[in-house]
Amino acid sequence: MQLTITKLSYTYEDAPTPALGPLSATFAEGWTGVVGSNGSGKSTLLRLVTGDLGGFTGSIVPAPARPPAPVPAAPLSASASTAAPAAAADASSRTPSAPSYCAQATEYPPAQAEEFALDFGSDAMRVRRILGIQDDWVWRFDTLSHGERKRLQVAVALWLNPPVLALDEPTNHVDAATREQILAALGQYRGVGLLVSHDRELLDALVSHCLFMRDGSGTMRSGTYTQAREQEELERTTVARERRAAKQELSHLHAEQQRRRNEAARSDARRSKRNIDPRDHSAKAKIDLAVFTGQDGKAGKLSVQLGSRIQAVEQRVASAFVPKVYDSSFWLDTKPSKRRVLVELKEGSIALGDRRTLRIPRLFVDSTAHIGLAGPNGTGKSTLVRHLVAQLPADVPVVYLPQELGSAEARELLGELKALGPEERGQVLSIVARLNSDPARILSGEALSPGELRKVLLARGVLRAPELIIMDEPTNHLDLHSTEALEAALASCPCALVLVSHDAAFLKAATTTRWLFDASGHIRVA
């Protein structure tokens, strides 16, 4: 089987330009990486080919069917939860003929999560075993960490065994062990897989082709991500070299054209009889001879002929287009607080919501501390961050970026951005641009990608001169260029910093102190 899209285009409501297309591509069995900067159309493509989004132009073969809508994240009653393990789902409840889309967001449980929880057949049990899914996770979805929710999302998608499976950032939120579980599970899928990810190691382990997306269009290249990226860089270097050569030739041609125009003007002056004495028959004869033989007008004719060569070279310059990559260097204009200690957490414990407890030692955040929180999924890192925010004195300016924003909050943030005055909006978009997103695209519609959303939230926050920045999984949803830019900016940030991340290299670059969480519910400072 293969999936073919032809001249596929989609424009969001009220957006002046298409979010995708026209795009044509063919996806064979196996995994194809869909890569590119935030806002380049990756998620839109996945939603279209799986039927999660309608109203497109062009064609998708096979045509997608509309999947069930997501259900609110609400736990079942105690009686239903107790009865669940004894039930068994009929395999016919699955719809293996329909494509499946596994979204970035973990706000809601998968549409068929309950059917998965009630299925104790061999396929469901195999998926549970590989991904470490516990029997009660579906029934207490609201108590799961985002990493556990992501694992459940992937499990349900694989259990459905669809002919087309589109995964959007499947390793967001997950720790190293979970990442290996997801990789093992995805390696067993045998349909047409589309994988949007900024995880280079995951892409290299799974994909055989990569679709490189930019501004709604795409170029397919064969090989792993690393191989395809090297090919892209080679093509980019070749095109840049051709562009430089063409522009140099164009400059020479323009200079030659001007020289010939000047020569033609002098020839015209020489052919003119206006200032010759009417009795100077010899001078008139010389002019008539030059006109008759065409020698004196040759420069003018050559100047005209040169125009076609210039037009051809101008076309070469236009064809040798090198996409712009935004400057990744920027400075977070913050300052340390006059307080020596911003917040102190007293020794105690916090309930994690599933009969587990997080034990907190005495912890401090001083005015210039750069603290990284690390540990497995579900060990209470986000819970502690929320507790820390609640304990902050009211007079400490803080920027807090949670792991995820709800759709309503996202729309509100975009509305606030558009309502800002020109100067402040320009400052926000300047930071967004340095994080590798196009400001014009940010303002062009009514929806932002999750990566763009995080960039806008950070940019708005740092303009308020915070004394403390708290970010929970800041690199989730960000493209590689943006991650590198953010890492450099946070590493040199003058104010206090608290980061939660599973990216060890990111924490090493941006922080100097660790709060390490373990599965037993303890925190160790290192």
Protein backbone atom coordinates (compact mmCIF):
# COMPACT_ATOMS: atom_id res chain seq x y z
CA MET A 1 0.00 0.00 0.00
CA GLN A 2 1.03 3.61 -0.46
CA LEU A 3 -0.46 7.02 0.30
CA THR A 4 -0.48 9.62 -2.48
CA ILE A 5 -1.34 13.30 -2.21
CA THR A 6 -1.65 15.50 -5.29
CA LYS A 7 -1.75 19.31 -5.23
CA LEU A 8 -3.04 19.18 -1.66
CA SER A 9 -3.85 22.63 -0.23
CA TYR A 10 -5.54 23.86 2.91
CA THR A 11 -6.30 27.35 4.26
CA TYR A 12 -7.52 27.93 7.79
CA GLU A 13 -10.57 30.10 8.23
CA ASP A 14 -9.81 33.84 8.08
CA ALA A 15 -6.15 33.17 7.15
CA PRO A 16 -4.96 35.22 4.14
CA THR A 17 -2.54 32.55 2.90
CA PRO A 18 -2.67 28.72 2.74
CA ALA A 19 -1.20 26.77 5.63
CA LEU A 20 -0.36 23.97 3.23
CA GLY A 21 0.29 23.49 -0.45
CA PRO A 22 -0.10 22.91 -3.15
CA LEU A 23 1.86 19.81 -2.11
CA SER A 24 2.32 16.52 -3.96
CA ALA A 25 4.08 13.48 -2.48
CA THR A 26 3.94 9.70 -2.24
CA PHE A 27 4.43 7.83 1.04
CA ALA A 28 5.39 4.15 0.87
CA GLU A 29 5.04 1.52 3.58
CA GLY A 30 7.35 2.14 6.50
CA TRP A 31 8.10 5.37 8.31
CA THR A 32 8.58 8.71 6.57
CA GLY A 33 9.85 11.63 8.66
CA VAL A 34 8.00 14.92 8.22
CA VAL A 35 10.41 17.61 9.37
CA GLY A 36 10.71 21.38 9.30
CA SER A 37 10.40 24.55 11.35
CA ASN A 38 7.42 25.33 13.56
CA GLY A 39 4.49 26.54 11.46
CA SER A 40 5.68 24.96 8.20
CA GLY A 41 2.50 22.87 7.78
CA LYS A 42 3.56 19.51 9.26
CA SER A 43 0.65 18.99 11.64
CA THR A 44 -1.81 20.28 9.06
CA LEU A 45 -0.57 17.65 6.60
CA LEU A 46 -0.99 14.84 9.15
CA ARG A 47 -4.49 15.95 10.08
CA LEU A 48 -5.54 16.11 6.44
CA VAL A 49 -4.30 12.67 5.39
CA THR A 50 -5.98 11.03 8.39
CA GLY A 51 -9.32 12.82 8.02
CA ASP A 52 -8.94 14.85 11.22
CA LEU A 53 -9.26 17.99 9.11
CA GLY A 54 -11.53 18.51 6.10
CA GLY A 55 -12.19 21.22 3.52
CA PHE A 56 -9.01 20.79 1.47
CA THR A 57 -8.39 21.07 -2.26
CA GLY A 58 -6.46 18.49 -4.25
CA SER A 59 -6.60 14.73 -3.70
CA ILE A 60 -5.64 12.14 -1.07
CA VAL A 61 -5.53 8.48 -2.12
CA PRO A 62 -6.79 6.48 -0.33
CA ALA A 63 -9.31 9.08 0.83
CA PRO A 64 -9.39 9.46 4.64
CA ALA A 65 -12.48 8.89 6.78
CA ARG A 66 -13.41 11.26 9.58
CA PRO A 67 -12.34 9.73 12.93
CA PRO A 68 -14.30 9.98 16.21
CA ALA A 69 -13.94 13.29 18.06
CA PRO A 70 -11.78 13.35 21.22
CA VAL A 71 -13.64 12.96 24.50
CA PRO A 72 -13.16 15.13 27.61
CA ALA A 73 -10.57 13.94 30.12
CA ALA A 74 -12.83 12.83 32.94
CA PRO A 75 -12.28 9.73 35.11
CA LEU A 76 -14.96 7.05 35.19
CA SER A 77 -16.86 6.18 38.30
CA ALA A 78 -15.30 3.86 40.83
CA SER A 79 -17.69 1.06 39.89
CA ALA A 80 -16.80 1.31 36.21
CA SER A 81 -13.12 1.37 37.03
CA THR A 82 -13.44 -1.72 39.18
CA ALA A 83 -15.39 -3.58 36.52
CA ALA A 84 -13.01 -2.70 33.71
CA PRO A 85 -10.39 -5.47 34.15
CA ALA A 86 -13.08 -8.18 34.00
CA ALA A 87 -14.42 -6.99 30.64
CA ALA A 88 -13.17 -7.87 27.19
CA ALA A 89 -13.58 -5.78 24.06
CA ASP A 90 -14.73 -7.24 20.76
CA ALA A 91 -11.96 -6.78 18.19
CA SER A 92 -14.62 -5.56 15.75
CA SER A 93 -14.88 -2.35 17.80
CA ARG A 94 -11.64 -1.29 16.18
CA THR A 95 -11.65 0.35 12.75
CA PRO A 96 -8.37 -0.85 11.20
CA SER A 97 -9.37 0.42 7.75
CA ALA A 98 -9.35 4.06 8.93
CA PRO A 99 -6.17 6.18 9.16
CA SER A 100 -5.20 7.24 12.66
CA TYR A 101 -3.80 10.56 13.89
CA CYS A 102 -1.94 10.83 17.20
CA ALA A 103 -1.82 14.53 18.07
CA GLN A 104 0.83 16.55 19.91
CA ALA A 105 -1.54 17.68 22.66
CA THR A 106 -2.23 15.45 25.65
CA GLU A 107 -5.24 17.40 26.89
CA TYR A 108 -7.72 14.60 26.13
CA PRO A 109 -7.52 10.80 26.15
CA PRO A 110 -7.57 9.02 22.77
CA ALA A 111 -11.06 8.60 21.30
CA GLN A 112 -11.02 4.79 21.65
CA ALA A 113 -9.10 4.59 24.91
CA GLU A 114 -11.93 2.85 26.78
CA GLU A 115 -12.20 0.11 24.13
CA PHE A 116 -8.44 -0.40 24.39
CA ALA A 117 -8.66 -0.65 28.18
CA LEU A 118 -11.36 -3.31 27.90
CA ASP A 119 -9.49 -5.41 25.33
CA PHE A 120 -7.40 -8.20 26.81
CA GLY A 121 -6.68 -9.96 23.52
CA SER A 122 -3.14 -10.75 22.40
CA ASP A 123 -2.68 -7.56 20.31
CA ALA A 124 -3.74 -5.26 23.13
CA MET A 125 -1.66 -7.11 25.71
CA ARG A 126 1.42 -7.01 23.47
CA VAL A 127 1.12 -3.23 23.08
CA ARG A 128 0.56 -2.82 26.83
CA ARG A 129 3.65 -4.90 27.58
CA ILE A 130 5.95 -3.02 25.18
CA LEU A 131 4.84 0.42 26.36
CA GLY A 132 4.36 -0.43 30.02
CA ILE A 133 0.69 0.60 30.09
CA GLN A 134 -1.04 -0.09 33.40
CA ASP A 135 -4.62 -1.40 33.39
CA ASP A 136 -6.05 1.57 35.29
CA TRP A 137 -4.44 4.40 33.28
CA VAL A 138 -7.48 5.07 31.11
CA TRP A 139 -9.76 5.25 34.15
CA ARG A 140 -7.54 7.83 35.91
CA PHE A 141 -6.34 9.77 32.89
CA ASP A 142 -6.49 13.12 34.69
CA THR A 143 -3.89 11.95 37.25
CA LEU A 144 -1.34 10.80 34.66
CA SER A 145 1.78 12.78 33.84
CA HIS A 146 1.97 14.13 30.30
CA GLY A 147 4.62 11.52 29.53
CA GLU A 148 2.28 8.73 30.65
CA ARG A 149 -0.55 10.25 28.61
CA LYS A 150 1.70 10.32 25.56
CA ARG A 151 2.55 6.66 26.07
CA LEU A 152 -1.17 5.81 26.24
CA GLN A 153 -1.83 7.82 23.07
CA VAL A 154 0.78 5.84 21.16
CA ALA A 155 -0.49 2.55 22.57
CA VAL A 156 -4.06 3.14 21.39
CA ALA A 157 -2.85 4.27 17.95
CA LEU A 158 -0.78 1.09 17.49
CA TRP A 159 -3.55 -1.14 18.86
CA LEU A 160 -5.89 0.19 16.15
CA ASN A 161 -3.32 -1.07 13.58
CA PRO A 162 -4.43 1.46 10.91
CA PRO A 163 -3.19 1.33 7.31
CA VAL A 164 -1.96 4.93 7.73
CA LEU A 165 -0.60 6.10 11.09
CA ALA A 166 0.38 9.74 11.60
CA LEU A 167 2.27 10.54 14.81
CA ASP A 168 2.89 14.13 15.86
CA GLU A 169 5.86 14.49 18.25
CA PRO A 170 5.46 11.09 19.99
CA THR A 171 8.47 11.63 22.28
CA ASN A 172 7.34 14.95 23.74
CA HIS A 173 7.17 14.81 27.56
CA VAL A 174 8.78 11.37 27.84
CA ASP A 175 11.83 10.25 29.80
CA ALA A 176 14.68 8.21 28.33
CA ALA A 177 13.23 4.82 29.29
CA THR A 178 9.82 5.67 27.83
CA ARG A 179 11.46 6.92 24.67
CA GLU A 180 13.10 3.53 24.18
CA GLN A 181 9.73 1.83 24.73
CA ILE A 182 8.08 4.03 22.11
CA LEU A 183 10.89 3.38 19.65
CA ALA A 184 10.52 -0.39 20.12
CA ALA A 185 6.75 -0.22 19.65
CA LEU A 186 6.89 1.95 16.52
CA GLY A 187 9.50 -0.34 15.01
CA GLN A 188 6.87 -3.10 14.80
CA TYR A 189 4.34 -1.07 12.78
CA ARG A 190 4.01 -2.26 9.17
CA GLY A 191 1.68 0.25 7.53
CA VAL A 192 2.30 3.71 6.02
CA GLY A 193 3.73 5.80 8.85
CA LEU A 194 4.15 9.60 8.91
CA LEU A 195 6.32 10.79 11.78
CA VAL A 196 6.56 14.46 12.75
CA SER A 197 9.44 14.81 15.18
CA HIS A 198 12.39 16.99 16.15
CA ASP A 199 14.00 13.96 17.82
CA ARG A 200 16.97 13.22 15.55
CA GLU A 201 17.78 9.85 17.12
CA LEU A 202 14.17 8.64 16.79
CA LEU A 203 14.04 9.70 13.13
CA ASP A 204 17.36 8.03 12.32
CA ALA A 205 16.23 4.79 13.94
CA LEU A 206 12.87 4.58 12.11
CA VAL A 207 12.59 6.48 8.83
CA SER A 208 13.71 5.60 5.31
CA HIS A 209 12.54 8.88 3.73
CA CYS A 210 12.08 12.46 4.92
CA LEU A 211 9.67 15.11 3.68
CA PHE A 212 11.30 18.48 4.40
CA MET A 213 8.56 21.09 4.90
CA ARG A 214 8.90 24.84 4.45
CA ASP A 215 6.07 27.39 4.16
CA GLY A 216 3.50 24.75 3.29
CA SER A 217 5.53 23.07 0.55
CA GLY A 218 7.78 20.04 0.79
CA THR A 219 10.69 18.15 -0.75
CA MET A 220 11.02 14.38 -0.35
CA ARG A 221 14.50 12.94 0.17
CA SER A 222 15.52 9.34 0.75
CA GLY A 223 17.52 8.03 3.69
CA THR A 224 17.51 8.51 7.44
CA TYR A 225 17.11 12.02 8.81
CA THR A 226 20.88 12.51 9.08
CA GLN A 227 21.42 11.31 5.50
CA ALA A 228 18.55 13.40 4.13
CA ARG A 229 19.71 16.45 6.11
CA GLU A 230 23.21 16.11 4.64
CA GLN A 231 21.66 15.94 1.16
CA GLU A 232 19.61 19.05 1.91
CA GLU A 233 22.72 20.91 3.07
CA LEU A 234 24.58 19.82 -0.08
CA GLU A 235 21.70 21.07 -2.24
CA ARG A 236 21.56 24.31 -0.27
CA THR A 237 25.31 24.86 -0.69
CA THR A 238 25.09 24.12 -4.42
CA VAL A 239 22.16 26.49 -4.89
CA ALA A 240 23.90 29.21 -2.87
CA ARG A 241 27.02 28.82 -5.02
CA GLU A 242 24.94 29.01 -8.20
CA ARG A 243 23.15 32.09 -6.90
CA ARG A 244 26.44 33.85 -6.14
CA ALA A 245 27.82 32.99 -9.59
CA ALA A 246 24.64 34.13 -11.33
CA LYS A 247 24.54 37.41 -9.40
CA GLN A 248 28.21 38.04 -10.26
CA GLU A 249 27.54 37.37 -13.95
CA LEU A 250 24.48 39.62 -13.80
CA SER A 251 26.59 42.43 -12.36
CA HIS A 252 29.10 42.07 -15.23
CA LEU A 253 26.30 42.03 -17.81
CA HIS A 254 24.70 45.16 -16.37
CA ALA A 255 28.07 46.93 -16.51
CA GLU A 256 28.59 45.80 -20.13
CA GLN A 257 25.05 46.86 -21.03
CA GLN A 258 25.69 50.32 -19.61
CA ARG A 259 28.99 50.57 -21.51
CA ARG A 260 27.23 49.69 -24.77
CA ARG A 261 24.45 52.17 -24.10
CA ASN A 262 27.04 54.88 -23.59
CA GLU A 263 28.78 53.83 -26.83
CA ALA A 264 25.44 53.84 -28.65
CA ALA A 265 24.72 57.33 -27.37
CA ARG A 266 28.09 58.54 -28.65
CA SER A 267 27.38 56.89 -32.02
CA ASP A 268 24.05 58.68 -32.25
CA ALA A 269 25.81 61.93 -31.57
CA ARG A 270 28.36 61.21 -34.29
CA ARG A 271 25.62 60.39 -36.85
CA SER A 272 23.81 63.62 -36.18
CA LYS A 273 24.22 66.37 -38.87
CA ARG A 274 22.64 69.00 -36.71
CA ASN A 275 25.84 70.87 -35.88
CA ILE A 276 27.63 70.38 -39.25
CA ASP A 277 28.14 73.29 -41.60
CA PRO A 278 25.72 72.80 -44.53
CA ARG A 279 28.66 73.39 -46.92
CA ASP A 280 30.81 70.62 -45.28
CA HIS A 281 29.92 67.90 -47.79
CA SER A 282 32.89 65.70 -46.75
CA ALA A 283 31.68 65.39 -43.12
CA LYS A 284 28.14 64.59 -44.31
CA ALA A 285 29.48 61.87 -46.62
CA LYS A 286 31.39 60.19 -43.78
CA ILE A 287 28.22 60.06 -41.67
CA ASP A 288 26.21 58.63 -44.57
CA LEU A 289 28.87 55.95 -45.13
CA ALA A 290 28.80 54.90 -41.43
CA VAL A 291 25.00 54.60 -41.52
CA PHE A 292 25.10 52.64 -44.82
CA THR A 293 27.69 50.10 -43.58
CA GLY A 294 26.05 49.81 -40.09
CA GLN A 295 29.39 50.08 -38.30
CA ASP A 296 28.46 53.11 -36.28
CA GLY A 297 25.19 51.58 -35.03
CA LYS A 298 26.69 48.22 -34.00
CA ALA A 299 27.04 49.20 -30.30
CA GLY A 300 23.34 50.04 -30.12
CA LYS A 301 22.32 46.70 -31.64
CA LEU A 302 24.66 44.80 -29.31
CA SER A 303 23.16 46.64 -26.33
CA VAL A 304 19.67 45.48 -27.34
CA GLN A 305 20.87 41.88 -27.84
CA LEU A 306 22.44 41.90 -24.37
CA GLY A 307 19.01 42.41 -22.81
CA SER A 308 17.94 38.82 -23.55
CA ARG A 309 21.11 37.46 -21.87
CA ILE A 310 20.43 39.61 -18.79
CA GLN A 311 16.86 38.34 -18.62
CA ALA A 312 18.08 34.73 -18.72
CA VAL A 313 20.61 35.32 -15.93
CA GLU A 314 17.98 37.13 -13.83
CA GLN A 315 15.87 33.99 -14.13
CA ARG A 316 18.86 31.94 -12.90
CA VAL A 317 19.15 34.19 -9.86
CA ALA A 318 15.43 33.87 -9.10
CA SER A 319 15.54 30.08 -9.50
CA ALA A 320 18.53 29.72 -7.17
CA PHE A 321 16.42 30.57 -4.11
CA VAL A 322 18.06 30.04 -0.72
CA PRO A 323 15.43 29.96 2.08
CA LYS A 324 15.99 32.37 4.92
CA VAL A 325 16.97 30.99 8.33
CA TYR A 326 16.27 33.47 11.10
CA ASP A 327 19.08 34.68 13.35
CA SER A 328 19.16 32.43 16.40
CA SER A 329 21.05 34.74 18.77
CA PHE A 330 19.13 36.89 21.23
CA TRP A 331 19.43 38.16 24.77
CA LEU A 332 16.83 37.72 27.51
CA ASP A 333 16.59 41.23 28.95
CA THR A 334 16.10 40.24 32.58
CA LYS A 335 17.83 41.04 35.86
CA PRO A 336 18.35 39.32 39.22
CA SER A 337 15.98 40.15 42.04
CA LYS A 338 17.12 42.34 44.92
CA ARG A 339 15.93 39.50 47.15
CA ARG A 340 18.69 37.05 47.96
CA VAL A 341 16.17 34.17 48.10
CA LEU A 342 13.10 34.29 45.88
CA VAL A 343 11.28 31.36 47.43
CA GLU A 344 11.88 28.71 50.09
CA LEU A 345 10.07 25.38 50.08
CA LYS A 346 9.83 23.87 53.54
CA GLU A 347 10.35 20.19 54.17
CA GLY A 348 7.11 18.29 53.72
CA SER A 349 5.12 16.20 51.27
CA ILE A 350 2.65 16.63 48.40
CA ALA A 351 0.02 14.11 47.29
CA LEU A 352 0.48 13.11 43.66
CA GLY A 353 -3.15 12.09 43.15
CA ASP A 354 -2.80 8.33 42.74
CA ARG A 355 -2.03 7.26 46.33
CA ARG A 356 1.61 8.29 45.94
CA THR A 357 3.43 11.02 47.82
CA LEU A 358 6.24 13.35 46.85
CA ARG A 359 8.55 14.05 49.79
CA ILE A 360 10.13 17.50 49.62
CA PRO A 361 13.36 18.41 51.41
CA ARG A 362 14.07 22.02 52.28
CA LEU A 363 14.66 23.75 48.91
CA PHE A 364 15.74 27.27 47.94
CA VAL A 365 15.63 29.31 44.75
CA ASP A 366 18.05 32.23 45.06
CA SER A 367 18.16 35.28 42.80
CA THR A 368 20.63 33.91 40.24
CA ALA A 369 20.06 30.15 40.55
CA HIS A 370 19.76 28.08 37.36
CA ILE A 371 18.03 24.88 38.51
CA GLY A 372 17.20 21.84 36.40
CA LEU A 373 14.55 19.31 37.46
CA ALA A 374 15.13 15.78 36.13
CA GLY A 375 13.67 12.32 36.70
CA PRO A 376 11.34 9.69 35.23
CA ASN A 377 7.78 10.44 34.12
CA GLY A 378 5.23 10.54 36.92
CA THR A 379 7.68 11.32 39.73
CA GLY A 380 6.14 14.73 40.54
CA LYS A 381 8.30 17.29 38.72
CA SER A 382 5.37 19.28 37.29
CA THR A 383 3.51 18.96 40.60
CA LEU A 384 6.46 20.52 42.43
CA VAL A 385 6.71 23.32 39.86
CA ARG A 386 3.05 24.22 40.36
CA HIS A 387 3.58 24.13 44.14
CA LEU A 388 6.62 26.40 43.77
CA VAL A 389 4.64 28.92 41.69
CA ALA A 390 1.92 28.98 44.34
CA GLN A 391 4.50 29.75 47.07
CA LEU A 392 6.13 32.70 45.29
CA PRO A 393 5.78 36.13 46.93
CA ALA A 394 3.35 38.36 45.04
CA ASP A 395 6.04 40.97 44.31
CA VAL A 396 8.35 38.58 42.39
CA PRO A 397 7.82 39.04 38.63
CA VAL A 398 7.73 35.53 37.10
CA VAL A 399 7.31 33.91 33.71
CA TYR A 400 5.76 30.45 33.97
CA LEU A 401 5.41 28.20 30.92
CA PRO A 402 3.50 24.99 31.72
CA GLN A 403 3.94 21.83 29.68
CA GLU A 404 0.75 22.36 27.72
CA LEU A 405 -1.81 25.09 27.07
CA GLY A 406 -5.47 24.34 26.46
CA SER A 407 -7.02 25.37 23.14
CA ALA A 408 -9.02 28.16 24.79
CA GLU A 409 -5.88 29.60 26.41
CA ALA A 410 -4.06 29.42 23.08
CA ARG A 411 -6.78 31.41 21.29
CA GLU A 412 -6.80 33.97 24.09
CA LEU A 413 -3.01 34.43 23.86
CA LEU A 414 -3.13 34.98 20.10
CA GLY A 415 -5.95 37.49 20.52
CA GLU A 416 -3.92 39.39 23.12
CA LEU A 417 -0.90 39.46 20.78
CA LYS A 418 -2.93 40.94 17.92
CA ALA A 419 -4.41 43.54 20.27
CA LEU A 420 -1.00 44.85 21.42
CA GLY A 421 0.23 48.24 20.30
CA PRO A 422 2.63 48.27 17.32
CA GLU A 423 5.76 48.82 19.43
CA GLU A 424 5.14 46.06 21.97
CA ARG A 425 3.89 43.66 19.31
CA GLY A 426 7.05 44.35 17.31
CA GLN A 427 9.22 43.54 20.34
CA VAL A 428 7.38 40.24 20.89
CA LEU A 429 7.66 39.23 17.24
CA SER A 430 11.35 40.16 17.17
CA ILE A 431 12.03 37.51 19.82
CA VAL A 432 9.76 35.03 18.01
CA ALA A 433 11.72 35.61 14.78
CA ARG A 434 15.00 34.86 16.54
CA LEU A 435 13.45 31.57 17.60
CA ASN A 436 13.03 30.69 13.91
CA SER A 437 9.36 31.53 13.27
CA ASP A 438 8.03 33.92 10.65
CA PRO A 439 6.26 36.87 12.36
CA ALA A 440 3.98 37.39 9.33
CA ARG A 441 2.73 33.81 9.61
CA ILE A 442 2.15 34.21 13.35
CA LEU A 443 -0.27 37.07 12.71
CA SER A 444 -1.85 35.69 9.53
CA GLY A 445 -4.52 33.41 10.97
CA GLU A 446 -6.47 32.21 13.95
CA ALA A 447 -4.31 29.22 14.92
CA LEU A 448 -0.72 28.71 16.04
CA SER A 449 1.29 25.52 16.11
CA PRO A 450 2.20 24.38 19.66
CA GLY A 451 5.82 25.42 19.01
CA GLU A 452 4.82 28.91 17.88
CA LEU A 453 2.52 29.19 20.88
CA ARG A 454 5.38 28.55 23.32
CA LYS A 455 7.59 31.09 21.56
CA VAL A 456 4.91 33.80 21.82
CA LEU A 457 4.30 32.98 25.48
CA LEU A 458 8.02 33.23 26.29
CA ALA A 459 8.46 36.44 24.29
CA ARG A 460 5.54 38.16 26.01
CA GLY A 461 6.82 37.07 29.40
CA VAL A 462 10.41 38.28 29.06
CA LEU A 463 9.23 41.77 28.09
CA ARG A 464 7.80 42.09 31.60
CA ALA A 465 11.32 42.06 33.11
CA PRO A 466 10.93 38.84 35.12
CA GLU A 467 13.17 37.98 38.03
CA LEU A 468 12.36 34.26 37.69
CA ILE A 469 11.64 32.13 34.61
CA ILE A 470 10.01 28.71 35.15
CA MET A 471 9.62 26.43 32.14
CA ASP A 472 8.17 22.91 32.17
CA GLU A 473 9.57 20.91 29.21
CA PRO A 474 10.51 24.06 27.22
CA THR A 475 11.85 22.15 24.20
CA ASN A 476 8.63 20.23 23.58
CA HIS A 477 7.22 21.18 20.16
CA LEU A 478 10.28 23.28 19.24
CA ASP A 479 12.27 22.65 16.07
CA LEU A 480 16.01 22.02 16.38
CA HIS A 481 17.07 25.55 15.39
CA SER A 482 14.69 27.02 17.99
CA THR A 483 15.93 24.64 20.69
CA GLU A 484 19.53 25.69 20.12
CA ALA A 485 18.58 29.37 20.23
CA LEU A 486 16.58 28.95 23.44
CA GLU A 487 19.37 26.94 25.06
CA ALA A 488 21.93 29.69 24.38
CA ALA A 489 19.60 32.43 25.62
CA LEU A 490 18.72 30.65 28.87
CA ALA A 491 22.34 29.73 29.60
CA SER A 492 23.26 33.43 29.69
CA CYS A 493 20.05 34.61 31.37
CA PRO A 494 20.87 36.93 34.32
CA CYS A 495 17.75 36.14 36.38
CA ALA A 496 16.80 32.97 38.26
CA LEU A 497 15.78 29.96 36.21
CA VAL A 498 13.89 26.72 36.94
CA LEU A 499 13.67 24.21 34.08
CA VAL A 500 12.00 20.80 33.85
CA SER A 501 13.36 18.69 31.01
CA HIS A 502 14.22 15.16 29.88
CA ASP A 503 16.85 16.62 27.55
CA ALA A 504 20.07 16.06 29.50
CA ALA A 505 22.20 18.11 27.09
CA PHE A 506 19.77 21.04 27.34
CA LEU A 507 19.84 21.00 31.14
CA LYS A 508 23.63 20.71 31.21
CA ALA A 509 23.98 23.80 28.99
CA ALA A 510 21.38 25.99 30.72
CA THR A 511 21.51 25.04 34.43
CA THR A 512 24.08 24.56 37.18
CA THR A 513 22.07 22.82 39.93
CA ARG A 514 19.90 19.67 39.77
CA TRP A 515 16.85 18.61 41.72
CA LEU A 516 16.73 14.88 40.97
CA PHE A 517 13.44 12.98 41.35
CA ASP A 518 13.26 9.22 41.80
CA ALA A 519 10.47 6.65 41.51
CA SER A 520 10.20 6.30 45.30
CA GLY A 521 8.98 9.89 45.64
CA HIS A 522 12.19 11.52 46.91
CA ILE A 523 14.12 14.58 45.69
CA ARG A 524 17.89 14.85 45.84
CA VAL A 525 19.84 18.09 45.25
CA ALA A 526 23.02 17.75 43.18
